[in-house]
Amino acid sequence: MGVKPVTQIKRVYDPPEKADGFRALVDRLWPRGLKKENAHIDAWLKEAAPSAELRKWFNHVPERWEAFARKYREELKEENKTKELIILAQKHKKITLLYGARDETHNQAVVLMQFLKSAL
């Protein structure tokens, strides 16, 4: 497949940078207080986000992190959830997965980035 794309994660509220490359929001819900015209997002990949049920269950409770990550990886195995993301990652040299959560360690973008790197 050639050179693997560089994948990184970043809060959607952080200022966009040229080094971000292709910017993909991977939240199911639009981030609070952020105007679409100020977001500088190239794609909104709702399908790659955790299901509403899983997101609500996790509720960013750190004690549920391991179980959340395991359940989310199971969801990601459904081909349609990550198909568009994989195509975009193969197309761009650098892709930044954007998320709205305050917790930079325990959020779906962390799991999704690991999943994407292993898929490519």
C-alpha atoms as a PDB file:
ATOM      1  CA  MET A   1       0.000   0.000   0.000  1.00  0.00           C
ATOM      2  CA  GLY A   2       3.014   2.282   0.137  1.00  0.00           C
ATOM      3  CA  VAL A   3       3.661   4.810   2.876  1.00  0.00           C
ATOM      4  CA  LYS A   4       1.357   4.674   5.885  1.00  0.00           C
ATOM      5  CA  PRO A   5      -0.373   7.956   6.657  1.00  0.00           C
ATOM      6  CA  VAL A   6       0.497   9.819   9.830  1.00  0.00           C
ATOM      7  CA  THR A   7      -2.477   9.697  12.167  1.00  0.00           C
ATOM      8  CA  GLN A   8      -2.853  11.860  15.245  1.00  0.00           C
ATOM      9  CA  ILE A   9      -5.634  13.040  17.536  1.00  0.00           C
ATOM     10  CA  LYS A  10      -6.535  16.516  18.746  1.00  0.00           C
ATOM     11  CA  ARG A  11      -9.365  18.293  20.533  1.00  0.00           C
ATOM     12  CA  VAL A  12     -11.640  19.994  18.041  1.00  0.00           C
ATOM     13  CA  TYR A  13     -11.508  23.127  20.243  1.00  0.00           C
ATOM     14  CA  ASP A  14      -7.725  23.475  19.793  1.00  0.00           C
ATOM     15  CA  PRO A  15      -6.674  25.917  17.060  1.00  0.00           C
ATOM     16  CA  PRO A  16      -6.261  24.318  13.633  1.00  0.00           C
ATOM     17  CA  GLU A  17      -2.714  24.102  12.293  1.00  0.00           C
ATOM     18  CA  LYS A  18      -1.327  23.438   8.838  1.00  0.00           C
ATOM     19  CA  ALA A  19       0.458  20.405  10.318  1.00  0.00           C
ATOM     20  CA  ASP A  20      -2.940  18.805  11.059  1.00  0.00           C
ATOM     21  CA  GLY A  21      -3.357  17.754   7.452  1.00  0.00           C
ATOM     22  CA  PHE A  22      -6.828  16.337   6.764  1.00  0.00           C
ATOM     23  CA  ARG A  23      -9.095  17.060   9.757  1.00  0.00           C
ATOM     24  CA  ALA A  24     -11.864  14.564  10.527  1.00  0.00           C
ATOM     25  CA  LEU A  25     -14.333  14.971  13.378  1.00  0.00           C
ATOM     26  CA  VAL A  26     -15.065  11.535  14.877  1.00  0.00           C
ATOM     27  CA  ASP A  27     -17.843  12.473  17.316  1.00  0.00           C
ATOM     28  CA  ARG A  28     -21.461  11.456  16.771  1.00  0.00           C
ATOM     29  CA  LEU A  29     -22.688  14.794  18.153  1.00  0.00           C
ATOM     30  CA  TRP A  30     -21.534  18.229  17.047  1.00  0.00           C
ATOM     31  CA  PRO A  31     -19.236  19.807  19.705  1.00  0.00           C
ATOM     32  CA  ARG A  32     -20.984  22.279  21.991  1.00  0.00           C
ATOM     33  CA  GLY A  33     -20.344  25.956  21.438  1.00  0.00           C
ATOM     34  CA  LEU A  34     -18.409  25.450  18.197  1.00  0.00           C
ATOM     35  CA  LYS A  35     -19.697  27.101  15.046  1.00  0.00           C
ATOM     36  CA  LYS A  36     -19.340  24.944  11.947  1.00  0.00           C
ATOM     37  CA  GLU A  37     -17.684  27.781  10.026  1.00  0.00           C
ATOM     38  CA  ASN A  38     -15.003  28.061  12.761  1.00  0.00           C
ATOM     39  CA  ALA A  39     -14.292  24.335  13.074  1.00  0.00           C
ATOM     40  CA  HIS A  40     -12.041  23.912  10.004  1.00  0.00           C
ATOM     41  CA  ILE A  41     -13.203  20.324   9.556  1.00  0.00           C
ATOM     42  CA  ASP A  42     -12.692  18.468   6.281  1.00  0.00           C
ATOM     43  CA  ALA A  43     -15.055  15.607   7.146  1.00  0.00           C
ATOM     44  CA  TRP A  44     -17.508  14.720   9.907  1.00  0.00           C
ATOM     45  CA  LEU A  45     -17.411  10.938  10.293  1.00  0.00           C
ATOM     46  CA  LYS A  46     -20.371  10.253  12.577  1.00  0.00           C
ATOM     47  CA  GLU A  47     -20.426   6.589  11.587  1.00  0.00           C
ATOM     48  CA  ALA A  48     -16.920   6.037  12.988  1.00  0.00           C
ATOM     49  CA  ALA A  49     -18.024   7.283  16.417  1.00  0.00           C
ATOM     50  CA  PRO A  50     -19.230   4.918  19.156  1.00  0.00           C
ATOM     51  CA  SER A  51     -22.916   4.005  19.105  1.00  0.00           C
ATOM     52  CA  ALA A  52     -25.186   6.292  21.110  1.00  0.00           C
ATOM     53  CA  GLU A  53     -25.759   3.482  23.627  1.00  0.00           C
ATOM     54  CA  LEU A  54     -22.035   2.877  24.167  1.00  0.00           C
ATOM     55  CA  ARG A  55     -21.262   6.593  24.376  1.00  0.00           C
ATOM     56  CA  LYS A  56     -23.975   7.153  26.987  1.00  0.00           C
ATOM     57  CA  TRP A  57     -22.896   4.098  29.005  1.00  0.00           C
ATOM     58  CA  PHE A  58     -19.226   5.162  29.056  1.00  0.00           C
ATOM     59  CA  ASN A  59     -20.055   8.792  29.913  1.00  0.00           C
ATOM     60  CA  HIS A  60     -16.282   9.456  30.200  1.00  0.00           C
ATOM     61  CA  VAL A  61     -16.032   7.551  33.487  1.00  0.00           C
ATOM     62  CA  PRO A  62     -12.331   6.520  33.672  1.00  0.00           C
ATOM     63  CA  GLU A  63     -13.187   3.285  35.540  1.00  0.00           C
ATOM     64  CA  ARG A  64     -15.173   2.153  32.466  1.00  0.00           C
ATOM     65  CA  TRP A  65     -12.336   2.928  30.033  1.00  0.00           C
ATOM     66  CA  GLU A  66     -11.030  -0.616  29.444  1.00  0.00           C
ATOM     67  CA  ALA A  67     -14.524  -2.035  28.908  1.00  0.00           C
ATOM     68  CA  PHE A  68     -15.445   0.915  26.679  1.00  0.00           C
ATOM     69  CA  ALA A  69     -12.324   0.487  24.534  1.00  0.00           C
ATOM     70  CA  ARG A  70     -13.004  -3.243  24.133  1.00  0.00           C
ATOM     71  CA  LYS A  71     -16.679  -2.704  23.217  1.00  0.00           C
ATOM     72  CA  TYR A  72     -15.828   0.123  20.829  1.00  0.00           C
ATOM     73  CA  ARG A  73     -13.205  -2.002  19.044  1.00  0.00           C
ATOM     74  CA  GLU A  74     -15.941  -4.613  18.537  1.00  0.00           C
ATOM     75  CA  GLU A  75     -18.174  -1.946  17.003  1.00  0.00           C
ATOM     76  CA  LEU A  76     -15.336  -0.791  14.749  1.00  0.00           C
ATOM     77  CA  LYS A  77     -15.079  -4.260  13.218  1.00  0.00           C
ATOM     78  CA  GLU A  78     -18.336  -3.528  11.398  1.00  0.00           C
ATOM     79  CA  GLU A  79     -17.025  -2.641   7.929  1.00  0.00           C
ATOM     80  CA  ASN A  80     -19.284   0.349   7.324  1.00  0.00           C
ATOM     81  CA  LYS A  81     -18.198   2.122  10.519  1.00  0.00           C
ATOM     82  CA  THR A  82     -14.616   2.673   9.390  1.00  0.00           C
ATOM     83  CA  LYS A  83     -14.799   2.256   5.617  1.00  0.00           C
ATOM     84  CA  GLU A  84     -14.892   6.007   4.847  1.00  0.00           C
ATOM     85  CA  LEU A  85     -12.178   6.759   7.416  1.00  0.00           C
ATOM     86  CA  ILE A  86      -9.827   4.112   5.999  1.00  0.00           C
ATOM     87  CA  ILE A  87     -10.329   5.457   2.469  1.00  0.00           C
ATOM     88  CA  LEU A  88      -9.603   9.017   3.636  1.00  0.00           C
ATOM     89  CA  ALA A  89      -6.540   7.916   5.609  1.00  0.00           C
ATOM     90  CA  GLN A  90      -5.146   6.121   2.556  1.00  0.00           C
ATOM     91  CA  LYS A  91      -5.790   9.202   0.416  1.00  0.00           C
ATOM     92  CA  HIS A  92      -4.077  11.757   2.695  1.00  0.00           C
ATOM     93  CA  LYS A  93      -0.509  11.776   4.006  1.00  0.00           C
ATOM     94  CA  LYS A  94      -1.613  13.106   7.368  1.00  0.00           C
ATOM     95  CA  ILE A  95      -4.966  12.822   9.096  1.00  0.00           C
ATOM     96  CA  THR A  96      -5.998  14.320  12.423  1.00  0.00           C
ATOM     97  CA  LEU A  97      -8.906  12.732  14.262  1.00  0.00           C
ATOM     98  CA  LEU A  98     -10.812  15.440  16.121  1.00  0.00           C
ATOM     99  CA  TYR A  99     -12.862  14.870  19.270  1.00  0.00           C
ATOM    100  CA  GLY A 100     -14.730  17.108  21.671  1.00  0.00           C
ATOM    101  CA  ALA A 101     -14.135  15.360  25.010  1.00  0.00           C
ATOM    102  CA  ARG A 102     -12.178  17.154  27.739  1.00  0.00           C
ATOM    103  CA  ASP A 103     -10.345  13.950  28.736  1.00  0.00           C
ATOM    104  CA  GLU A 104      -7.449  13.615  26.307  1.00  0.00           C
ATOM    105  CA  THR A 105      -6.595  10.080  27.467  1.00  0.00           C
ATOM    106  CA  HIS A 106     -10.014   8.422  27.729  1.00  0.00           C
ATOM    107  CA  ASN A 107     -11.953   9.174  24.544  1.00  0.00           C
ATOM    108  CA  GLN A 108     -13.002   7.379  21.391  1.00  0.00           C
ATOM    109  CA  ALA A 109     -10.352   9.050  19.213  1.00  0.00           C
ATOM    110  CA  VAL A 110      -7.614   7.246  21.182  1.00  0.00           C
ATOM    111  CA  VAL A 111      -9.193   3.859  20.375  1.00  0.00           C
ATOM    112  CA  LEU A 112     -10.000   4.854  16.804  1.00  0.00           C
ATOM    113  CA  MET A 113      -6.429   6.015  16.124  1.00  0.00           C
ATOM    114  CA  GLN A 114      -5.024   2.684  17.362  1.00  0.00           C
ATOM    115  CA  PHE A 115      -7.598   0.786  15.299  1.00  0.00           C
ATOM    116  CA  LEU A 116      -6.810   2.813  12.173  1.00  0.00           C
ATOM    117  CA  LYS A 117      -3.051   2.324  12.532  1.00  0.00           C
ATOM    118  CA  SER A 118      -3.502  -1.446  12.794  1.00  0.00           C
ATOM    119  CA  ALA A 119      -5.958  -1.484   9.849  1.00  0.00           C
ATOM    120  CA  LEU A 120      -3.456   0.284   7.595  1.00  0.00           C
END
